[in-house]
Amino acid sequence: MIGVVMKSFQESTVEFASFIFERQKVVCYGLLNNAGGTTTVFNFPDETTAVSFQQSFLDKRNFQLIQNDAQLICFADYETVMRKSEDDARIRHLNYSRDFMMGTLAHVS
């Protein structure tokens, strides 16, 4: 097997956000990499809340969505995913940060 040698490293942008949806905290993070890939992951407290959020704001949208129990994985940036929920009274934004990743995601926690 021939290994691949990485000759250079460029930082990618990591997004972190938290908000309240239907009186429950949701934590999400995303990666905007230099190759053009974009992913946003939402971690809900339970599967019912994830399904409710999906049905309210994500159905019939123009990006791929995967549900993994109480987690929603969206192949779009955070602003695009949250666009339909901006003025909804069930959403209260708590925190948002966009930083550069240094190495791996292990340091984010």
N, C-alpha and C. Protein backbone atom coordinates (compact mmCIF):
# COMPACT_ATOMS: atom_id res chain seq x y z
N MET A 1 0.84 -1.17 0.00
CA MET A 1 0.00 0.00 0.00
C MET A 1 0.89 1.24 0.00
N ILE A 2 0.60 2.18 -0.86
CA ILE A 2 1.36 3.41 -0.95
C ILE A 2 0.64 4.47 -0.13
N GLY A 3 1.38 5.12 0.75
CA GLY A 3 0.80 6.16 1.59
C GLY A 3 0.75 7.48 0.85
N VAL A 4 -0.16 8.34 1.29
CA VAL A 4 -0.28 9.67 0.71
C VAL A 4 0.44 10.64 1.65
N VAL A 5 1.29 11.46 1.09
CA VAL A 5 2.03 12.43 1.88
C VAL A 5 1.35 13.79 1.75
N MET A 6 1.01 14.39 2.88
CA MET A 6 0.40 15.70 2.87
C MET A 6 1.51 16.74 2.87
N LYS A 7 1.59 17.52 1.81
CA LYS A 7 2.68 18.48 1.68
C LYS A 7 2.37 19.81 2.33
N SER A 8 1.10 20.11 2.51
CA SER A 8 0.74 21.37 3.17
C SER A 8 -0.58 21.18 3.91
N PHE A 9 -0.82 22.04 4.85
CA PHE A 9 -2.04 21.99 5.64
C PHE A 9 -2.66 23.38 5.64
N GLN A 10 -3.93 23.47 5.28
CA GLN A 10 -4.64 24.73 5.36
C GLN A 10 -5.79 24.56 6.33
N GLU A 11 -5.97 25.55 7.19
CA GLU A 11 -7.01 25.47 8.20
C GLU A 11 -8.38 25.53 7.57
N SER A 12 -9.32 24.84 8.17
CA SER A 12 -10.72 24.89 7.75
C SER A 12 -11.51 25.61 8.83
N THR A 13 -12.64 26.13 8.45
CA THR A 13 -13.48 26.84 9.40
C THR A 13 -14.41 25.87 10.11
N VAL A 14 -14.48 25.98 11.43
CA VAL A 14 -15.40 25.18 12.24
C VAL A 14 -16.44 26.13 12.82
N GLU A 15 -17.70 25.76 12.69
CA GLU A 15 -18.78 26.55 13.29
C GLU A 15 -19.29 25.83 14.53
N PHE A 16 -19.65 26.61 15.53
CA PHE A 16 -20.30 26.07 16.73
C PHE A 16 -21.48 26.96 17.04
N ALA A 17 -22.61 26.37 17.35
CA ALA A 17 -23.78 27.15 17.72
C ALA A 17 -24.62 26.36 18.71
N SER A 18 -25.35 27.09 19.53
CA SER A 18 -26.34 26.47 20.40
C SER A 18 -27.57 27.36 20.40
N PHE A 19 -28.71 26.74 20.54
CA PHE A 19 -29.96 27.48 20.59
C PHE A 19 -31.00 26.66 21.34
N ILE A 20 -32.08 27.31 21.70
CA ILE A 20 -33.21 26.65 22.35
C ILE A 20 -34.29 26.44 21.30
N PHE A 21 -34.79 25.21 21.22
CA PHE A 21 -35.92 24.90 20.34
C PHE A 21 -36.95 24.16 21.19
N GLU A 22 -38.15 24.71 21.24
CA GLU A 22 -39.22 24.12 22.05
C GLU A 22 -38.74 23.85 23.48
N ARG A 23 -38.10 24.83 24.07
CA ARG A 23 -37.61 24.83 25.46
C ARG A 23 -36.53 23.78 25.75
N GLN A 24 -35.84 23.32 24.70
CA GLN A 24 -34.76 22.36 24.89
C GLN A 24 -33.52 22.84 24.15
N LYS A 25 -32.37 22.65 24.76
CA LYS A 25 -31.12 23.11 24.17
C LYS A 25 -30.66 22.19 23.04
N VAL A 26 -30.22 22.81 21.95
CA VAL A 26 -29.68 22.10 20.79
C VAL A 26 -28.25 22.59 20.59
N VAL A 27 -27.33 21.66 20.43
CA VAL A 27 -25.92 22.00 20.20
C VAL A 27 -25.57 21.55 18.79
N CYS A 28 -24.94 22.43 18.03
CA CYS A 28 -24.58 22.05 16.68
C CYS A 28 -23.18 22.55 16.32
N TYR A 29 -22.61 21.88 15.36
CA TYR A 29 -21.29 22.26 14.86
C TYR A 29 -21.24 21.97 13.38
N GLY A 30 -20.35 22.65 12.71
CA GLY A 30 -20.23 22.46 11.28
C GLY A 30 -18.81 22.65 10.81
N LEU A 31 -18.53 22.16 9.64
CA LEU A 31 -17.21 22.27 9.06
C LEU A 31 -17.35 22.80 7.64
N LEU A 32 -16.66 23.89 7.37
CA LEU A 32 -16.59 24.46 6.03
C LEU A 32 -15.16 24.23 5.57
N ASN A 33 -14.94 23.18 4.78
CA ASN A 33 -13.54 22.88 4.43
C ASN A 33 -13.13 23.55 3.13
N ASN A 34 -11.85 23.66 2.94
CA ASN A 34 -11.29 24.37 1.80
C ASN A 34 -11.53 23.67 0.47
N ALA A 35 -11.93 22.42 0.52
CA ALA A 35 -12.24 21.69 -0.71
C ALA A 35 -13.66 21.97 -1.19
N GLY A 36 -14.42 22.74 -0.41
CA GLY A 36 -15.77 23.10 -0.80
C GLY A 36 -16.86 22.33 -0.10
N GLY A 37 -16.51 21.37 0.75
CA GLY A 37 -17.51 20.60 1.48
C GLY A 37 -18.06 21.38 2.66
N THR A 38 -19.34 21.21 2.92
CA THR A 38 -19.99 21.91 4.02
C THR A 38 -20.94 20.95 4.71
N THR A 39 -20.81 20.85 6.03
CA THR A 39 -21.67 19.97 6.82
C THR A 39 -22.04 20.67 8.12
N THR A 40 -23.30 20.57 8.52
CA THR A 40 -23.75 21.08 9.82
C THR A 40 -24.44 19.93 10.56
N VAL A 41 -24.04 19.70 11.80
CA VAL A 41 -24.58 18.61 12.61
C VAL A 41 -25.33 19.20 13.80
N PHE A 42 -26.59 18.81 13.96
CA PHE A 42 -27.44 19.25 15.06
C PHE A 42 -27.61 18.11 16.04
N ASN A 43 -27.36 18.36 17.31
CA ASN A 43 -27.52 17.37 18.36
C ASN A 43 -28.69 17.80 19.25
N PHE A 44 -29.80 17.08 19.15
CA PHE A 44 -31.00 17.38 19.91
C PHE A 44 -31.03 16.51 21.16
N PRO A 45 -31.79 16.91 22.17
CA PRO A 45 -31.86 16.10 23.39
C PRO A 45 -32.57 14.77 23.20
N ASP A 46 -33.45 14.67 22.20
CA ASP A 46 -34.15 13.41 21.93
C ASP A 46 -34.60 13.37 20.48
N GLU A 47 -34.97 12.19 20.03
CA GLU A 47 -35.36 11.99 18.64
C GLU A 47 -36.63 12.75 18.27
N THR A 48 -37.56 12.85 19.20
CA THR A 48 -38.82 13.55 18.94
C THR A 48 -38.58 15.02 18.60
N THR A 49 -37.69 15.66 19.33
CA THR A 49 -37.37 17.06 19.06
C THR A 49 -36.67 17.22 17.72
N ALA A 50 -35.78 16.29 17.38
CA ALA A 50 -35.10 16.32 16.08
C ALA A 50 -36.11 16.21 14.94
N VAL A 51 -37.07 15.31 15.07
CA VAL A 51 -38.09 15.12 14.04
C VAL A 51 -38.96 16.37 13.93
N SER A 52 -39.32 16.96 15.05
CA SER A 52 -40.13 18.18 15.04
C SER A 52 -39.41 19.32 14.33
N PHE A 53 -38.11 19.50 14.61
CA PHE A 53 -37.31 20.53 13.95
C PHE A 53 -37.23 20.27 12.45
N GLN A 54 -36.99 19.02 12.10
CA GLN A 54 -36.89 18.65 10.69
C GLN A 54 -38.19 18.95 9.95
N GLN A 55 -39.31 18.55 10.52
CA GLN A 55 -40.60 18.76 9.86
C GLN A 55 -40.95 20.25 9.76
N SER A 56 -40.55 21.02 10.77
CA SER A 56 -40.88 22.45 10.78
C SER A 56 -40.03 23.27 9.82
N PHE A 57 -38.73 22.93 9.70
CA PHE A 57 -37.82 23.82 9.00
C PHE A 57 -36.99 23.19 7.88
N LEU A 58 -36.91 21.87 7.81
CA LEU A 58 -35.97 21.27 6.88
C LEU A 58 -36.60 20.46 5.75
N ASP A 59 -37.87 20.13 5.86
CA ASP A 59 -38.50 19.35 4.79
C ASP A 59 -38.55 20.17 3.50
N LYS A 60 -38.34 19.48 2.38
CA LYS A 60 -38.39 20.08 1.05
C LYS A 60 -37.34 21.18 0.85
N ARG A 61 -36.20 21.02 1.49
CA ARG A 61 -35.10 21.98 1.30
C ARG A 61 -34.15 21.43 0.25
N ASN A 62 -33.26 22.27 -0.24
CA ASN A 62 -32.39 21.92 -1.35
C ASN A 62 -31.01 21.45 -0.88
N PHE A 63 -30.96 20.62 0.15
CA PHE A 63 -29.72 19.99 0.59
C PHE A 63 -30.04 18.63 1.18
N GLN A 64 -29.03 17.77 1.18
CA GLN A 64 -29.22 16.42 1.72
C GLN A 64 -29.26 16.46 3.23
N LEU A 65 -30.09 15.60 3.80
CA LEU A 65 -30.28 15.53 5.25
C LEU A 65 -30.27 14.07 5.67
N ILE A 66 -29.55 13.79 6.76
CA ILE A 66 -29.51 12.44 7.33
C ILE A 66 -29.92 12.55 8.79
N GLN A 67 -30.84 11.69 9.22
CA GLN A 67 -31.20 11.65 10.64
C GLN A 67 -30.59 10.41 11.26
N ASN A 68 -29.92 10.61 12.39
CA ASN A 68 -29.32 9.53 13.15
C ASN A 68 -29.83 9.66 14.58
N ASP A 69 -30.97 9.04 14.86
CA ASP A 69 -31.65 9.16 16.16
C ASP A 69 -31.91 10.64 16.46
N ALA A 70 -31.28 11.19 17.51
CA ALA A 70 -31.52 12.58 17.91
C ALA A 70 -30.55 13.55 17.23
N GLN A 71 -29.90 13.10 16.19
CA GLN A 71 -28.92 13.94 15.49
C GLN A 71 -29.36 14.13 14.04
N LEU A 72 -29.26 15.38 13.57
CA LEU A 72 -29.52 15.68 12.17
C LEU A 72 -28.23 16.16 11.53
N ILE A 73 -27.89 15.58 10.38
CA ILE A 73 -26.69 15.95 9.65
C ILE A 73 -27.15 16.57 8.33
N CYS A 74 -26.80 17.83 8.13
CA CYS A 74 -27.23 18.57 6.95
C CYS A 74 -26.01 18.91 6.11
N PHE A 75 -26.09 18.66 4.82
CA PHE A 75 -24.99 18.99 3.92
C PHE A 75 -25.20 20.40 3.36
N ALA A 76 -25.10 21.37 4.28
CA ALA A 76 -25.24 22.78 3.97
C ALA A 76 -24.64 23.56 5.14
N ASP A 77 -24.34 24.84 4.91
CA ASP A 77 -23.79 25.65 6.00
C ASP A 77 -24.89 26.05 6.99
N TYR A 78 -24.47 26.47 8.16
CA TYR A 78 -25.39 26.78 9.26
C TYR A 78 -26.41 27.85 8.87
N GLU A 79 -25.97 28.91 8.21
CA GLU A 79 -26.88 29.99 7.83
C GLU A 79 -27.97 29.48 6.89
N THR A 80 -27.60 28.63 5.95
CA THR A 80 -28.58 28.07 5.02
C THR A 80 -29.58 27.19 5.74
N VAL A 81 -29.09 26.35 6.64
CA VAL A 81 -29.97 25.43 7.36
C VAL A 81 -30.96 26.20 8.24
N MET A 82 -30.49 27.25 8.89
CA MET A 82 -31.33 27.98 9.84
C MET A 82 -32.20 29.06 9.20
N ARG A 83 -32.08 29.29 7.92
CA ARG A 83 -32.76 30.41 7.25
C ARG A 83 -34.27 30.43 7.49
N LYS A 84 -34.94 29.31 7.43
CA LYS A 84 -36.41 29.30 7.58
C LYS A 84 -36.85 29.44 9.04
N SER A 85 -35.94 29.30 9.98
CA SER A 85 -36.30 29.36 11.39
C SER A 85 -35.95 30.70 12.04
N GLU A 86 -35.41 31.64 11.27
CA GLU A 86 -34.92 32.89 11.84
C GLU A 86 -35.95 33.65 12.66
N ASP A 87 -37.16 33.74 12.19
CA ASP A 87 -38.19 34.55 12.87
C ASP A 87 -39.20 33.72 13.65
N ASP A 88 -38.88 32.46 13.89
CA ASP A 88 -39.81 31.58 14.58
C ASP A 88 -39.66 31.76 16.09
N ALA A 89 -40.78 31.91 16.80
CA ALA A 89 -40.76 32.14 18.25
C ALA A 89 -40.26 30.93 19.03
N ARG A 90 -40.25 29.74 18.43
CA ARG A 90 -39.78 28.55 19.14
C ARG A 90 -38.26 28.48 19.22
N ILE A 91 -37.55 29.35 18.49
CA ILE A 91 -36.09 29.35 18.44
C ILE A 91 -35.56 30.55 19.21
N ARG A 92 -34.62 30.29 20.12
CA ARG A 92 -33.91 31.37 20.81
C ARG A 92 -32.42 31.07 20.71
N HIS A 93 -31.71 31.91 19.98
CA HIS A 93 -30.28 31.71 19.75
C HIS A 93 -29.49 32.02 21.02
N LEU A 94 -28.54 31.15 21.33
CA LEU A 94 -27.72 31.31 22.53
C LEU A 94 -26.28 31.68 22.20
N ASN A 95 -25.69 30.97 21.26
CA ASN A 95 -24.25 31.10 21.03
C ASN A 95 -23.94 30.78 19.58
N TYR A 96 -23.02 31.54 19.00
CA TYR A 96 -22.52 31.21 17.67
C TYR A 96 -21.06 31.62 17.58
N SER A 97 -20.24 30.76 17.02
CA SER A 97 -18.82 31.06 16.86
C SER A 97 -18.32 30.41 15.58
N ARG A 98 -17.46 31.12 14.86
CA ARG A 98 -16.81 30.56 13.68
C ARG A 98 -15.31 30.76 13.87
N ASP A 99 -14.62 29.65 14.02
CA ASP A 99 -13.18 29.68 14.25
C ASP A 99 -12.48 28.80 13.23
N PHE A 100 -11.17 28.84 13.25
CA PHE A 100 -10.40 27.98 12.38
C PHE A 100 -9.95 26.75 13.13
N MET A 101 -10.02 25.61 12.46
CA MET A 101 -9.63 24.35 13.04
C MET A 101 -8.11 24.24 13.03
N MET A 102 -7.54 23.84 14.14
CA MET A 102 -6.09 23.65 14.23
C MET A 102 -5.85 22.18 14.48
N GLY A 103 -5.58 21.42 13.45
CA GLY A 103 -5.30 19.99 13.62
C GLY A 103 -6.56 19.16 13.51
N THR A 104 -7.13 18.79 14.65
CA THR A 104 -8.30 17.93 14.65
C THR A 104 -9.44 18.57 15.43
N LEU A 105 -10.59 17.96 15.36
CA LEU A 105 -11.75 18.47 16.11
C LEU A 105 -11.67 18.16 17.60
N ALA A 106 -10.70 17.40 18.03
CA ALA A 106 -10.62 16.99 19.44
C ALA A 106 -10.50 18.18 20.38
N HIS A 107 -9.92 19.28 19.92
CA HIS A 107 -9.72 20.43 20.81
C HIS A 107 -10.98 21.27 20.98
N VAL A 108 -12.04 21.04 20.20
CA VAL A 108 -13.22 21.87 20.23
C VAL A 108 -14.04 21.66 21.50
N SER A 109 -14.04 20.47 22.04
CA SER A 109 -14.88 20.15 23.20
C SER A 109 -14.43 20.81 24.44
